[in-house]
PDB file of all heavy atoms in Angstrom:
ATOM      1  N   GLY A   1     171.230  81.874 176.137  1.00  0.00           N
ATOM      2  CA  GLY A   1     172.373  80.998 176.358  1.00  0.00           C
ATOM      3  C   GLY A   1     172.016  79.537 176.199  1.00  0.00           C
ATOM      4  O   GLY A   1     172.895  78.658 176.275  1.00  0.00           O
ATOM      5  N   GLU A   2     170.736  79.238 175.966  1.00  0.00           N
ATOM      6  CA  GLU A   2     170.293  77.846 175.839  1.00  0.00           C
ATOM      7  C   GLU A   2     170.674  77.229 174.500  1.00  0.00           C
ATOM      8  O   GLU A   2     170.766  76.009 174.373  1.00  0.00           O
ATOM      9  CB  GLU A   2     168.772  77.775 176.018  1.00  0.00           C
ATOM     10  CG  GLU A   2     168.274  78.254 177.373  1.00  0.00           C
ATOM     11  CD  GLU A   2     166.763  78.237 177.443  1.00  0.00           C
ATOM     12  OE1 GLU A   2     166.174  77.211 177.028  1.00  0.00           O
ATOM     13  OE2 GLU A   2     166.170  79.241 177.889  1.00  0.00           O
ATOM     14  N   ILE A   3     170.881  78.066 173.487  1.00  0.00           N
ATOM     15  CA  ILE A   3     171.249  77.572 172.147  1.00  0.00           C
ATOM     16  C   ILE A   3     172.641  78.106 171.806  1.00  0.00           C
ATOM     17  O   ILE A   3     172.821  79.303 171.601  1.00  0.00           O
ATOM     18  CB  ILE A   3     170.230  78.024 171.083  1.00  0.00           C
ATOM     19  CG1 ILE A   3     168.839  77.511 171.446  1.00  0.00           C
ATOM     20  CG2 ILE A   3     170.640  77.535 169.697  1.00  0.00           C
ATOM     21  CD1 ILE A   3     167.747  77.977 170.521  1.00  0.00           C
ATOM     22  N   PRO A   4     173.648  77.241 171.762  1.00  0.00           N
ATOM     23  CA  PRO A   4     175.015  77.697 171.470  1.00  0.00           C
ATOM     24  C   PRO A   4     175.136  78.228 170.046  1.00  0.00           C
ATOM     25  O   PRO A   4     174.356  77.862 169.154  1.00  0.00           O
ATOM     26  CB  PRO A   4     175.857  76.435 171.674  1.00  0.00           C
ATOM     27  CG  PRO A   4     174.902  75.303 171.473  1.00  0.00           C
ATOM     28  CD  PRO A   4     173.580  75.787 171.963  1.00  0.00           C
ATOM     29  N   VAL A   5     176.121  79.088 169.859  1.00  0.00           N
ATOM     30  CA  VAL A   5     176.342  79.731 168.561  1.00  0.00           C
ATOM     31  C   VAL A   5     177.806  79.578 168.165  1.00  0.00           C
ATOM     32  O   VAL A   5     178.704  79.775 168.989  1.00  0.00           O
ATOM     33  CB  VAL A   5     175.979  81.238 168.626  1.00  0.00           C
ATOM     34  CG1 VAL A   5     176.350  81.936 167.314  1.00  0.00           C
ATOM     35  CG2 VAL A   5     174.497  81.416 168.926  1.00  0.00           C
ATOM     36  N   GLU A   6     178.047  79.218 166.919  1.00  0.00           N
ATOM     37  CA  GLU A   6     179.390  79.218 166.349  1.00  0.00           C
ATOM     38  C   GLU A   6     179.425  80.274 165.250  1.00  0.00           C
ATOM     39  O   GLU A   6     178.793  80.115 164.209  1.00  0.00           O
ATOM     40  CB  GLU A   6     179.748  77.842 165.793  1.00  0.00           C
ATOM     41  CG  GLU A   6     179.994  76.795 166.866  1.00  0.00           C
ATOM     42  CD  GLU A   6     180.510  75.473 166.312  1.00  0.00           C
ATOM     43  OE1 GLU A   6     180.598  75.342 165.065  1.00  0.00           O
ATOM     44  OE2 GLU A   6     180.828  74.584 167.122  1.00  0.00           O
ATOM     45  N   GLU A   7     180.153  81.346 165.525  1.00  0.00           N
ATOM     46  CA  GLU A   7     180.213  82.491 164.599  1.00  0.00           C
ATOM     47  C   GLU A   7     181.624  82.609 164.025  1.00  0.00           C
ATOM     48  O   GLU A   7     182.609  82.581 164.770  1.00  0.00           O
ATOM     49  CB  GLU A   7     179.843  83.781 165.331  1.00  0.00           C
ATOM     50  CG  GLU A   7     179.909  85.022 164.460  1.00  0.00           C
ATOM     51  CD  GLU A   7     179.990  86.305 165.279  1.00  0.00           C
ATOM     52  OE1 GLU A   7     179.936  86.212 166.528  1.00  0.00           O
ATOM     53  OE2 GLU A   7     180.147  87.375 164.673  1.00  0.00           O
ATOM     54  N   ASP A   8     181.734  82.746 162.698  1.00  0.00           N
ATOM     55  CA  ASP A   8     183.049  82.792 162.066  1.00  0.00           C
ATOM     56  C   ASP A   8     183.873  84.002 162.510  1.00  0.00           C
ATOM     57  O   ASP A   8     185.094  83.904 162.681  1.00  0.00           O
ATOM     58  CB  ASP A   8     182.926  82.756 160.540  1.00  0.00           C
ATOM     59  CG  ASP A   8     182.084  83.901 159.971  1.00  0.00           C
ATOM     60  OD1 ASP A   8     181.476  84.664 160.755  1.00  0.00           O
ATOM     61  OD2 ASP A   8     182.025  84.028 158.731  1.00  0.00           O
ATOM     62  N   ALA A   9     183.221  85.142 162.731  1.00  0.00           N
ATOM     63  CA  ALA A   9     183.968  86.333 163.162  1.00  0.00           C
ATOM     64  C   ALA A   9     184.579  86.114 164.545  1.00  0.00           C
ATOM     65  O   ALA A   9     185.720  86.514 164.800  1.00  0.00           O
ATOM     66  CB  ALA A   9     183.046  87.553 163.181  1.00  0.00           C
ATOM     67  N   GLN A  10     183.827  85.461 165.423  1.00  0.00           N
ATOM     68  CA  GLN A  10     184.350  85.171 166.754  1.00  0.00           C
ATOM     69  C   GLN A  10     185.495  84.164 166.669  1.00  0.00           C
ATOM     70  O   GLN A  10     186.500  84.288 167.385  1.00  0.00           O
ATOM     71  CB  GLN A  10     183.239  84.612 167.650  1.00  0.00           C
ATOM     72  CG  GLN A  10     183.707  84.311 169.076  1.00  0.00           C
ATOM     73  CD  GLN A  10     182.706  83.488 169.864  1.00  0.00           C
ATOM     74  OE1 GLN A  10     181.929  82.738 169.279  1.00  0.00           O
ATOM     75  NE2 GLN A  10     182.713  83.630 171.170  1.00  0.00           N
ATOM     76  N   GLN A  11     185.367  83.163 165.804  1.00  0.00           N
ATOM     77  CA  GLN A  11     186.420  82.170 165.630  1.00  0.00           C
ATOM     78  C   GLN A  11     187.697  82.826 165.102  1.00  0.00           C
ATOM     79  O   GLN A  11     188.801  82.505 165.544  1.00  0.00           O
ATOM     80  CB  GLN A  11     185.952  81.076 164.675  1.00  0.00           C
ATOM     81  CG  GLN A  11     184.841  80.202 165.258  1.00  0.00           C
ATOM     82  CD  GLN A  11     184.196  79.309 164.214  1.00  0.00           C
ATOM     83  OE1 GLN A  11     184.468  79.423 163.022  1.00  0.00           O
ATOM     84  NE2 GLN A  11     183.319  78.422 164.663  1.00  0.00           N
ATOM     85  N   PHE A  12     187.538  83.756 164.160  1.00  0.00           N
ATOM     86  CA  PHE A  12     188.684  84.487 163.618  1.00  0.00           C
ATOM     87  C   PHE A  12     189.384  85.274 164.719  1.00  0.00           C
ATOM     88  O   PHE A  12     190.615  85.251 164.854  1.00  0.00           O
ATOM     89  CB  PHE A  12     188.216  85.427 162.508  1.00  0.00           C
ATOM     90  CG  PHE A  12     189.248  86.427 162.061  1.00  0.00           C
ATOM     91  CD1 PHE A  12     190.379  86.028 161.367  1.00  0.00           C
ATOM     92  CD2 PHE A  12     189.095  87.781 162.352  1.00  0.00           C
ATOM     93  CE1 PHE A  12     191.339  86.945 160.949  1.00  0.00           C
ATOM     94  CE2 PHE A  12     190.038  88.702 161.954  1.00  0.00           C
ATOM     95  CZ  PHE A  12     191.165  88.287 161.254  1.00  0.00           C
ATOM     96  N   GLU A  13     188.590  85.964 165.532  1.00  0.00           N
ATOM     97  CA  GLU A  13     189.151  86.756 166.614  1.00  0.00           C
ATOM     98  C   GLU A  13     189.862  85.869 167.644  1.00  0.00           C
ATOM     99  O   GLU A  13     190.916  86.235 168.166  1.00  0.00           O
ATOM    100  CB  GLU A  13     188.049  87.573 167.278  1.00  0.00           C
ATOM    101  CG  GLU A  13     188.550  88.696 168.155  1.00  0.00           C
ATOM    102  CD  GLU A  13     187.500  89.774 168.412  1.00  0.00           C
ATOM    103  OE1 GLU A  13     186.368  89.637 167.899  1.00  0.00           O
ATOM    104  OE2 GLU A  13     187.832  90.746 169.111  1.00  0.00           O
ATOM    105  N   GLU A  14     189.298  84.706 167.922  1.00  0.00           N
ATOM    106  CA  GLU A  14     189.900  83.769 168.872  1.00  0.00           C
ATOM    107  C   GLU A  14     191.241  83.253 168.348  1.00  0.00           C
ATOM    108  O   GLU A  14     192.222  83.123 169.105  1.00  0.00           O
ATOM    109  CB  GLU A  14     188.946  82.599 169.115  1.00  0.00           C
ATOM    110  CG  GLU A  14     189.494  81.502 170.009  1.00  0.00           C
ATOM    111  CD  GLU A  14     189.760  81.956 171.443  1.00  0.00           C
ATOM    112  OE1 GLU A  14     189.134  82.941 171.884  1.00  0.00           O
ATOM    113  OE2 GLU A  14     190.597  81.326 172.108  1.00  0.00           O
ATOM    114  N   LEU A  15     191.331  82.966 167.059  1.00  0.00           N
ATOM    115  CA  LEU A  15     192.591  82.505 166.463  1.00  0.00           C
ATOM    116  C   LEU A  15     193.656  83.596 166.507  1.00  0.00           C
ATOM    117  O   LEU A  15     194.840  83.310 166.741  1.00  0.00           O
ATOM    118  CB  LEU A  15     192.350  82.057 165.020  1.00  0.00           C
ATOM    119  CG  LEU A  15     191.560  80.750 164.859  1.00  0.00           C
ATOM    120  CD1 LEU A  15     191.115  80.570 163.421  1.00  0.00           C
ATOM    121  CD2 LEU A  15     192.406  79.559 165.311  1.00  0.00           C
ATOM    122  N   CYS A  16     193.248  84.842 166.297  1.00  0.00           N
ATOM    123  CA  CYS A  16     194.201  85.960 166.402  1.00  0.00           C
ATOM    124  C   CYS A  16     194.733  86.070 167.829  1.00  0.00           C
ATOM    125  O   CYS A  16     195.931  86.311 168.042  1.00  0.00           O
ATOM    126  CB  CYS A  16     193.523  87.270 165.995  1.00  0.00           C
ATOM    127  SG  CYS A  16     193.108  87.387 164.242  1.00  0.00           S
ATOM    128  N   TYR A  17     193.858  85.876 168.793  1.00  0.00           N
ATOM    129  CA  TYR A  17     194.261  85.929 170.201  1.00  0.00           C
ATOM    130  C   TYR A  17     195.238  84.800 170.515  1.00  0.00           C
ATOM    131  O   TYR A  17     196.261  85.018 171.179  1.00  0.00           O
ATOM    132  CB  TYR A  17     193.021  85.822 171.093  1.00  0.00           C
ATOM    133  CG  TYR A  17     193.338  85.676 172.561  1.00  0.00           C
ATOM    134  CD1 TYR A  17     193.743  86.772 173.326  1.00  0.00           C
ATOM    135  CD2 TYR A  17     193.252  84.427 173.192  1.00  0.00           C
ATOM    136  CE1 TYR A  17     194.049  86.635 174.674  1.00  0.00           C
ATOM    137  CE2 TYR A  17     193.552  84.286 174.538  1.00  0.00           C
ATOM    138  CZ  TYR A  17     193.956  85.389 175.267  1.00  0.00           C
ATOM    139  OH  TYR A  17     194.267  85.243 176.603  1.00  0.00           O
ATOM    140  N   ARG A  18     194.961  83.588 170.031  1.00  0.00           N
ATOM    141  CA  ARG A  18     195.855  82.461 170.278  1.00  0.00           C
ATOM    142  C   ARG A  18     197.220  82.691 169.634  1.00  0.00           C
ATOM    143  O   ARG A  18     198.252  82.292 170.195  1.00  0.00           O
ATOM    144  CB  ARG A  18     195.235  81.177 169.733  1.00  0.00           C
ATOM    145  CG  ARG A  18     194.004  80.712 170.498  1.00  0.00           C
ATOM    146  CD  ARG A  18     193.469  79.414 169.922  1.00  0.00           C
ATOM    147  NE  ARG A  18     192.247  78.996 170.590  1.00  0.00           N
ATOM    148  CZ  ARG A  18     191.566  77.904 170.265  1.00  0.00           C
ATOM    149  NH1 ARG A  18     191.995  77.120 169.284  1.00  0.00           N
ATOM    150  NH2 ARG A  18     190.468  77.596 170.918  1.00  0.00           N
ATOM    151  N   ALA A  19     197.219  83.322 168.467  1.00  0.00           N
ATOM    152  CA  ALA A  19     198.490  83.629 167.806  1.00  0.00           C
ATOM    153  C   ALA A  19     199.314  84.578 168.656  1.00  0.00           C
ATOM    154  O   ALA A  19     200.531  84.393 168.835  1.00  0.00           O
ATOM    155  CB  ALA A  19     198.226  84.234 166.423  1.00  0.00           C
ATOM    156  N   ARG A  20     198.668  85.618 169.185  1.00  0.00           N
ATOM    157  CA  ARG A  20     199.389  86.578 170.033  1.00  0.00           C
ATOM    158  C   ARG A  20     199.957  85.891 171.271  1.00  0.00           C
ATOM    159  O   ARG A  20     201.087  86.158 171.691  1.00  0.00           O
ATOM    160  CB  ARG A  20     198.449  87.721 170.443  1.00  0.00           C
ATOM    161  CG  ARG A  20     198.083  88.664 169.311  1.00  0.00           C
ATOM    162  CD  ARG A  20     197.477  89.962 169.843  1.00  0.00           C
ATOM    163  NE  ARG A  20     196.272  89.720 170.629  1.00  0.00           N
ATOM    164  CZ  ARG A  20     195.049  89.667 170.121  1.00  0.00           C
ATOM    165  NH1 ARG A  20     194.872  89.809 168.821  1.00  0.00           N
ATOM    166  NH2 ARG A  20     193.992  89.459 170.899  1.00  0.00           N
ATOM    167  N   GLN A  21     199.158  84.998 171.879  1.00  0.00           N
ATOM    168  CA  GLN A  21     199.615  84.289 173.065  1.00  0.00           C
ATOM    169  C   GLN A  21     200.813  83.398 172.753  1.00  0.00           C
ATOM    170  O   GLN A  21     201.786  83.334 173.522  1.00  0.00           O
ATOM    171  CB  GLN A  21     198.476  83.438 173.637  1.00  0.00           C
ATOM    172  CG  GLN A  21     197.361  84.240 174.288  1.00  0.00           C
ATOM    173  CD  GLN A  21     197.851  85.046 175.492  1.00  0.00           C
ATOM    174  OE1 GLN A  21     197.844  86.268 175.477  1.00  0.00           O
ATOM    175  NE2 GLN A  21     198.297  84.346 176.525  1.00  0.00           N
ATOM    176  N   ALA A  22     200.767  82.688 171.623  1.00  0.00           N
ATOM    177  CA  ALA A  22     201.881  81.829 171.230  1.00  0.00           C
ATOM    178  C   ALA A  22     203.139  82.650 170.991  1.00  0.00           C
ATOM    179  O   ALA A  22     204.258  82.238 171.338  1.00  0.00           O
ATOM    180  CB  ALA A  22     201.518  81.042 169.973  1.00  0.00           C
ATOM    181  N   ASN A  23     202.977  83.837 170.411  1.00  0.00           N
ATOM    182  CA  ASN A  23     204.123  84.714 170.165  1.00  0.00           C
ATOM    183  C   ASN A  23     204.720  85.201 171.480  1.00  0.00           C
ATOM    184  O   ASN A  23     205.948  85.238 171.650  1.00  0.00           O
ATOM    185  CB  ASN A  23     203.683  85.902 169.307  1.00  0.00           C
ATOM    186  CG  ASN A  23     204.846  86.751 168.851  1.00  0.00           C
ATOM    187  OD1 ASN A  23     205.931  86.241 168.566  1.00  0.00           O
ATOM    188  ND2 ASN A  23     204.634  88.057 168.783  1.00  0.00           N
ATOM    189  N   MET A  24     203.858  85.554 172.441  1.00  0.00           N
ATOM    190  CA  MET A  24     204.327  85.996 173.758  1.00  0.00           C
ATOM    191  C   MET A  24     205.044  84.862 174.492  1.00  0.00           C
ATOM    192  O   MET A  24     206.001  85.093 175.241  1.00  0.00           O
ATOM    193  CB  MET A  24     203.146  86.501 174.587  1.00  0.00           C
ATOM    194  CG  MET A  24     202.550  87.805 174.081  1.00  0.00           C
ATOM    195  SD  MET A  24     201.040  88.290 174.971  1.00  0.00           S
ATOM    196  CE  MET A  24     201.687  88.517 176.628  1.00  0.00           C
ATOM    197  N   ASP A  25     204.607  83.617 174.249  1.00  0.00           N
ATOM    198  CA  ASP A  25     205.232  82.465 174.894  1.00  0.00           C
ATOM    199  C   ASP A  25     206.503  82.022 174.186  1.00  0.00           C
ATOM    200  O   ASP A  25     207.184  81.095 174.644  1.00  0.00           O
ATOM    201  CB  ASP A  25     204.243  81.287 174.941  1.00  0.00           C
ATOM    202  CG  ASP A  25     203.033  81.588 175.827  1.00  0.00           C
ATOM    203  OD1 ASP A  25     203.146  82.490 176.677  1.00  0.00           O
ATOM    204  OD2 ASP A  25     201.988  80.941 175.648  1.00  0.00           O
ATOM    205  N   GLY A  26     206.806  82.666 173.055  1.00  0.00           N
ATOM    206  CA  GLY A  26     208.015  82.317 172.314  1.00  0.00           C
ATOM    207  C   GLY A  26     207.897  81.056 171.488  1.00  0.00           C
ATOM    208  O   GLY A  26     208.908  80.495 171.055  1.00  0.00           O
ATOM    209  N   ASN A  27     206.674  80.605 171.237  1.00  0.00           N
ATOM    210  CA  ASN A  27     206.460  79.396 170.435  1.00  0.00           C
ATOM    211  C   ASN A  27     206.226  79.812 168.984  1.00  0.00           C
ATOM    212  O   ASN A  27     205.093  80.035 168.561  1.00  0.00           O
ATOM    213  CB  ASN A  27     205.263  78.613 170.979  1.00  0.00           C
ATOM    214  CG  ASN A  27     205.164  77.221 170.382  1.00  0.00           C
ATOM    215  OD1 ASN A  27     205.575  77.001 169.247  1.00  0.00           O
ATOM    216  ND2 ASN A  27     204.637  76.290 171.152  1.00  0.00           N
TER     217      ASN A  27
END
């Protein structure tokens, strides 16, 4: 955990999650 990681697959999954949340919020 001492060296942070930015992974494209994780970023893709996070964006999909945010999209679902925005849809649930009616935005």
